[in-house]
C-alpha atoms as a PDB file:
ATOM      1  CA  MET A   1      33.901 -52.586-118.689  1.00  0.00           C
ATOM      2  CA  ALA A   2      30.461 -51.690-117.317  1.00  0.00           C
ATOM      3  CA  PHE A   3      30.373 -55.077-115.583  1.00  0.00           C
ATOM      4  CA  LYS A   4      33.712 -54.374-113.829  1.00  0.00           C
ATOM      5  CA  ILE A   5      32.498 -50.973-112.615  1.00  0.00           C
ATOM      6  CA  ALA A   6      29.196 -52.408-111.405  1.00  0.00           C
ATOM      7  CA  ASN A   7      31.076 -55.200-109.648  1.00  0.00           C
ATOM      8  CA  LYS A   8      33.380 -52.690-107.885  1.00  0.00           C
ATOM      9  CA  ILE A   9      30.387 -50.593-106.823  1.00  0.00           C
ATOM     10  CA  ARG A  10      28.762 -53.695-105.268  1.00  0.00           C
ATOM     11  CA  LYS A  11      31.987 -54.461-103.393  1.00  0.00           C
ATOM     12  CA  ILE A  12      32.217 -50.874-102.093  1.00  0.00           C
ATOM     13  CA  GLU A  13      28.573 -51.003-100.971  1.00  0.00           C
ATOM     14  CA  ALA A  14      29.205 -54.319 -99.236  1.00  0.00           C
ATOM     15  CA  PHE A  15      32.289 -53.033 -97.387  1.00  0.00           C
ATOM     16  CA  ASP A  16      31.387 -52.872 -93.689  1.00  0.00           C
ATOM     17  CA  PHE A  17      33.131 -49.735 -92.410  1.00  0.00           C
ATOM     18  CA  GLN A  18      31.837 -50.176 -88.860  1.00  0.00           C
ATOM     19  CA  LYS A  19      33.065 -53.770 -88.571  1.00  0.00           C
ATOM     20  CA  ASN A  20      36.432 -52.854 -90.052  1.00  0.00           C
ATOM     21  CA  ALA A  21      36.832 -49.803 -87.794  1.00  0.00           C
ATOM     22  CA  ILE A  22      36.160 -51.984 -84.749  1.00  0.00           C
ATOM     23  CA  GLU A  23      38.778 -54.498 -85.914  1.00  0.00           C
ATOM     24  CA  ILE A  24      41.337 -51.736 -86.539  1.00  0.00           C
ATOM     25  CA  VAL A  25      40.791 -50.277 -83.065  1.00  0.00           C
ATOM     26  CA  GLU A  26      41.250 -53.792 -81.641  1.00  0.00           C
ATOM     27  CA  MET A  27      44.506 -54.155 -83.593  1.00  0.00           C
ATOM     28  CA  ASN A  28      45.744 -50.817 -82.233  1.00  0.00           C
ATOM     29  CA  LYS A  29      44.556 -50.970 -78.620  1.00  0.00           C
ATOM     30  CA  GLU A  30      47.984 -50.425 -77.137  1.00  0.00           C
ATOM     31  CA  PHE A  31      48.812 -47.570 -79.532  1.00  0.00           C
ATOM     32  CA  LEU A  32      45.552 -45.823 -78.605  1.00  0.00           C
ATOM     33  CA  ALA A  33      46.061 -46.403 -74.873  1.00  0.00           C
ATOM     34  CA  GLU A  34      49.581 -44.998 -75.159  1.00  0.00           C
ATOM     35  CA  LEU A  35      48.271 -41.876 -76.906  1.00  0.00           C
ATOM     36  CA  LEU A  36      45.884 -41.265 -74.017  1.00  0.00           C
ATOM     37  CA  ARG A  37      48.532 -42.030 -71.391  1.00  0.00           C
ATOM     38  CA  THR A  38      50.930 -39.534 -72.992  1.00  0.00           C
ATOM     39  CA  GLN A  39      48.180 -36.925 -73.142  1.00  0.00           C
ATOM     40  CA  LEU A  40      47.378 -37.463 -69.452  1.00  0.00           C
ATOM     41  CA  GLU A  41      51.076 -37.354 -68.536  1.00  0.00           C
ATOM     42  CA  ARG A  42      51.111 -33.860 -70.054  1.00  0.00           C
ATOM     43  CA  GLY A  43      48.079 -32.918 -67.958  1.00  0.00           C
ATOM     44  CA  LEU A  44      45.726 -32.477 -70.925  1.00  0.00           C
ATOM     45  CA  ASP A  45      42.107 -33.539 -71.344  1.00  0.00           C
ATOM     46  CA  GLY A  46      40.202 -34.395 -74.527  1.00  0.00           C
ATOM     47  CA  ASN A  47      39.600 -30.705 -75.239  1.00  0.00           C
ATOM     48  CA  ASN A  48      43.334 -30.030 -74.888  1.00  0.00           C
ATOM     49  CA  ASN A  49      42.629 -28.120 -71.674  1.00  0.00           C
ATOM     50  CA  PRO A  50      44.448 -28.685 -68.390  1.00  0.00           C
ATOM     51  CA  VAL A  51      43.135 -31.617 -66.376  1.00  0.00           C
ATOM     52  CA  THR A  52      41.431 -30.445 -63.207  1.00  0.00           C
ATOM     53  CA  ILE A  53      40.354 -31.942 -59.914  1.00  0.00           C
ATOM     54  CA  ARG A  54      36.964 -30.575 -58.933  1.00  0.00           C
ATOM     55  CA  GLY A  55      37.546 -27.643 -61.291  1.00  0.00           C
ATOM     56  CA  VAL A  56      40.991 -26.712 -59.932  1.00  0.00           C
ATOM     57  CA  GLU A  57      44.061 -26.925 -62.212  1.00  0.00           C
ATOM     58  CA  LYS A  58      46.535 -27.821 -59.474  1.00  0.00           C
ATOM     59  CA  TYR A  59      46.914 -30.309 -56.702  1.00  0.00           C
ATOM     60  CA  ALA A  60      46.038 -29.423 -53.116  1.00  0.00           C
ATOM     61  CA  PRO A  61      49.024 -28.509 -50.881  1.00  0.00           C
ATOM     62  CA  PHE A  62      48.692 -31.824 -48.991  1.00  0.00           C
ATOM     63  CA  THR A  63      48.858 -33.770 -52.280  1.00  0.00           C
ATOM     64  CA  ILE A  64      51.862 -31.759 -53.479  1.00  0.00           C
ATOM     65  CA  GLU A  65      53.708 -32.531 -50.250  1.00  0.00           C
ATOM     66  CA  LYS A  66      52.900 -36.247 -50.598  1.00  0.00           C
ATOM     67  CA  LYS A  67      53.923 -36.340 -54.297  1.00  0.00           C
ATOM     68  CA  ARG A  68      57.258 -34.653 -53.626  1.00  0.00           C
ATOM     69  CA  LYS A  69      58.306 -37.815 -51.775  1.00  0.00           C
ATOM     70  CA  MET A  70      57.521 -39.982 -54.811  1.00  0.00           C
ATOM     71  CA  THR A  71      59.511 -40.692 -57.967  1.00  0.00           C
ATOM     72  CA  GLY A  72      58.929 -40.467 -61.705  1.00  0.00           C
ATOM     73  CA  LEU A  73      55.569 -39.307 -62.999  1.00  0.00           C
ATOM     74  CA  SER A  74      54.100 -39.720 -59.501  1.00  0.00           C
ATOM     75  CA  ARG A  75      56.240 -36.773 -58.451  1.00  0.00           C
ATOM     76  CA  VAL A  76      54.888 -34.307 -61.061  1.00  0.00           C
ATOM     77  CA  THR A  77      52.951 -31.503 -59.377  1.00  0.00           C
ATOM     78  CA  GLN A  78      53.132 -28.680 -61.955  1.00  0.00           C
ATOM     79  CA  TRP A  79      49.949 -30.063 -63.544  1.00  0.00           C
ATOM     80  CA  ILE A  80      47.448 -32.775 -62.730  1.00  0.00           C
ATOM     81  CA  THR A  81      48.330 -36.226 -64.045  1.00  0.00           C
ATOM     82  CA  ASN A  82      46.068 -38.441 -61.874  1.00  0.00           C
ATOM     83  CA  TYR A  83      49.159 -40.651 -61.637  1.00  0.00           C
ATOM     84  CA  ASP A  84      50.037 -42.230 -58.317  1.00  0.00           C
ATOM     85  CA  THR A  85      51.017 -45.898 -58.454  1.00  0.00           C
ATOM     86  CA  GLY A  86      50.629 -46.295 -62.214  1.00  0.00           C
ATOM     87  CA  GLN A  87      47.742 -48.767 -62.028  1.00  0.00           C
ATOM     88  CA  PHE A  88      45.193 -46.336 -63.512  1.00  0.00           C
ATOM     89  CA  TYR A  89      47.440 -45.700 -66.543  1.00  0.00           C
ATOM     90  CA  GLU A  90      48.400 -49.368 -66.976  1.00  0.00           C
ATOM     91  CA  LYS A  91      44.770 -50.443 -67.100  1.00  0.00           C
ATOM     92  CA  ILE A  92      43.602 -47.856 -69.657  1.00  0.00           C
ATOM     93  CA  LYS A  93      41.817 -49.659 -72.487  1.00  0.00           C
ATOM     94  CA  PRO A  94      40.096 -48.287 -75.600  1.00  0.00           C
ATOM     95  CA  LYS A  95      36.751 -49.548 -76.853  1.00  0.00           C
ATOM     96  CA  THR A  96      34.566 -48.719 -79.828  1.00  0.00           C
ATOM     97  CA  ASP A  97      31.190 -49.518 -81.273  1.00  0.00           C
ATOM     98  CA  GLY A  98      32.499 -48.555 -84.716  1.00  0.00           C
ATOM     99  CA  VAL A  99      31.170 -45.017 -84.394  1.00  0.00           C
ATOM    100  CA  ARG A 100      32.518 -43.715 -81.084  1.00  0.00           C
ATOM    101  CA  LEU A 101      35.889 -44.339 -79.474  1.00  0.00           C
ATOM    102  CA  SER A 102      36.071 -44.324 -75.696  1.00  0.00           C
ATOM    103  CA  PHE A 103      38.434 -45.412 -72.948  1.00  0.00           C
ATOM    104  CA  ASP A 104      38.123 -46.789 -69.467  1.00  0.00           C
ATOM    105  CA  SER A 105      40.378 -48.211 -66.802  1.00  0.00           C
ATOM    106  CA  SER A 106      39.628 -51.282 -64.730  1.00  0.00           C
ATOM    107  CA  VAL A 107      41.036 -49.909 -61.478  1.00  0.00           C
ATOM    108  CA  PRO A 108      38.473 -49.958 -58.652  1.00  0.00           C
ATOM    109  CA  TYR A 109      38.796 -46.200 -58.138  1.00  0.00           C
ATOM    110  CA  PHE A 110      38.183 -45.297 -61.802  1.00  0.00           C
ATOM    111  CA  GLN A 111      34.781 -43.730 -61.103  1.00  0.00           C
ATOM    112  CA  ASP A 112      36.361 -41.595 -58.363  1.00  0.00           C
ATOM    113  CA  ILE A 113      38.871 -40.212 -60.879  1.00  0.00           C
ATOM    114  CA  ILE A 114      36.073 -39.475 -63.357  1.00  0.00           C
ATOM    115  CA  ALA A 115      33.965 -37.834 -60.635  1.00  0.00           C
ATOM    116  CA  GLN A 116      36.885 -35.561 -59.747  1.00  0.00           C
ATOM    117  CA  SER A 117      38.347 -34.807 -63.182  1.00  0.00           C
ATOM    118  CA  GLY A 118      35.429 -35.486 -65.547  1.00  0.00           C
ATOM    119  CA  GLY A 119      34.944 -37.988 -68.347  1.00  0.00           C
ATOM    120  CA  ILE A 120      36.711 -35.648 -70.770  1.00  0.00           C
ATOM    121  CA  ILE A 121      40.062 -36.873 -69.443  1.00  0.00           C
ATOM    122  CA  MET A 122      39.312 -40.247 -71.041  1.00  0.00           C
ATOM    123  CA  LYS A 123      38.973 -38.817 -74.550  1.00  0.00           C
ATOM    124  CA  LEU A 124      41.747 -38.218 -77.031  1.00  0.00           C
ATOM    125  CA  ASN A 125      42.322 -34.603 -77.954  1.00  0.00           C
ATOM    126  CA  LYS A 126      42.032 -33.570 -81.606  1.00  0.00           C
ATOM    127  CA  GLN A 127      45.791 -33.936 -82.243  1.00  0.00           C
ATOM    128  CA  ASN A 128      45.931 -37.503 -80.947  1.00  0.00           C
ATOM    129  CA  LEU A 129      42.705 -38.537 -82.649  1.00  0.00           C
ATOM    130  CA  GLU A 130      43.994 -37.158 -85.955  1.00  0.00           C
ATOM    131  CA  LEU A 131      47.307 -38.959 -85.415  1.00  0.00           C
ATOM    132  CA  PHE A 132      45.464 -42.274 -84.974  1.00  0.00           C
ATOM    133  CA  ILE A 133      43.269 -41.648 -88.014  1.00  0.00           C
ATOM    134  CA  LYS A 134      46.199 -40.545 -90.210  1.00  0.00           C
ATOM    135  CA  THR A 135      48.715 -43.217 -89.206  1.00  0.00           C
ATOM    136  CA  LYS A 136      46.554 -46.250 -88.410  1.00  0.00           C
ATOM    137  CA  LEU A 137      42.837 -46.097 -89.227  1.00  0.00           C
ATOM    138  CA  LYS A 138      42.842 -44.483 -92.680  1.00  0.00           C
ATOM    139  CA  PRO A 139      45.774 -46.464 -94.137  1.00  0.00           C
ATOM    140  CA  GLU A 140      44.340 -49.758 -92.883  1.00  0.00           C
ATOM    141  CA  LEU A 141      40.830 -48.980 -94.174  1.00  0.00           C
ATOM    142  CA  GLU A 142      42.318 -48.035 -97.539  1.00  0.00           C
ATOM    143  CA  ARG A 143      44.354 -51.234 -97.640  1.00  0.00           C
ATOM    144  CA  ARG A 144      41.339 -53.363 -96.787  1.00  0.00           C
ATOM    145  CA  MET A 145      39.152 -51.626 -99.360  1.00  0.00           C
ATOM    146  CA  LYS A 146      41.804 -51.965-102.048  1.00  0.00           C
ATOM    147  CA  ASN A 147      42.253 -55.663-101.283  1.00  0.00           C
ATOM    148  CA  GLY A 148      38.492 -56.179-101.359  1.00  0.00           C
ATOM    149  CA  LEU A 149      38.034 -54.577-104.788  1.00  0.00           C
END
């Protein structure tokens, strides 16, 4: 009995949480990107505050006029979505070092968006982060630990 407990303790100590977390994020890249896209569609940043452009919570009159001629999410002007052609949203990708989760987008104007709206728009708010942890990360870590013991 003592041998079994000691053996399980060694397996728990050997379990690489960081490596496994990175793998689980990789497995769920699209789910994570979709969480951020949905959050941005609602005009919310990582603090659950309205997205701004240079500190202002609404589009400039010129931008509103331009967006009114568009369709779908491009047409939304009640809050800031940073959505125009859809390329920025389509190219959103999560990345992790096993400790921090971050997102970027490979569009050439990504740094312009960040300069205008801040890096906080590329972070999941507490609700979405908890949803990922509860529905994906925690169950998969538990499954892997159980299978390793």
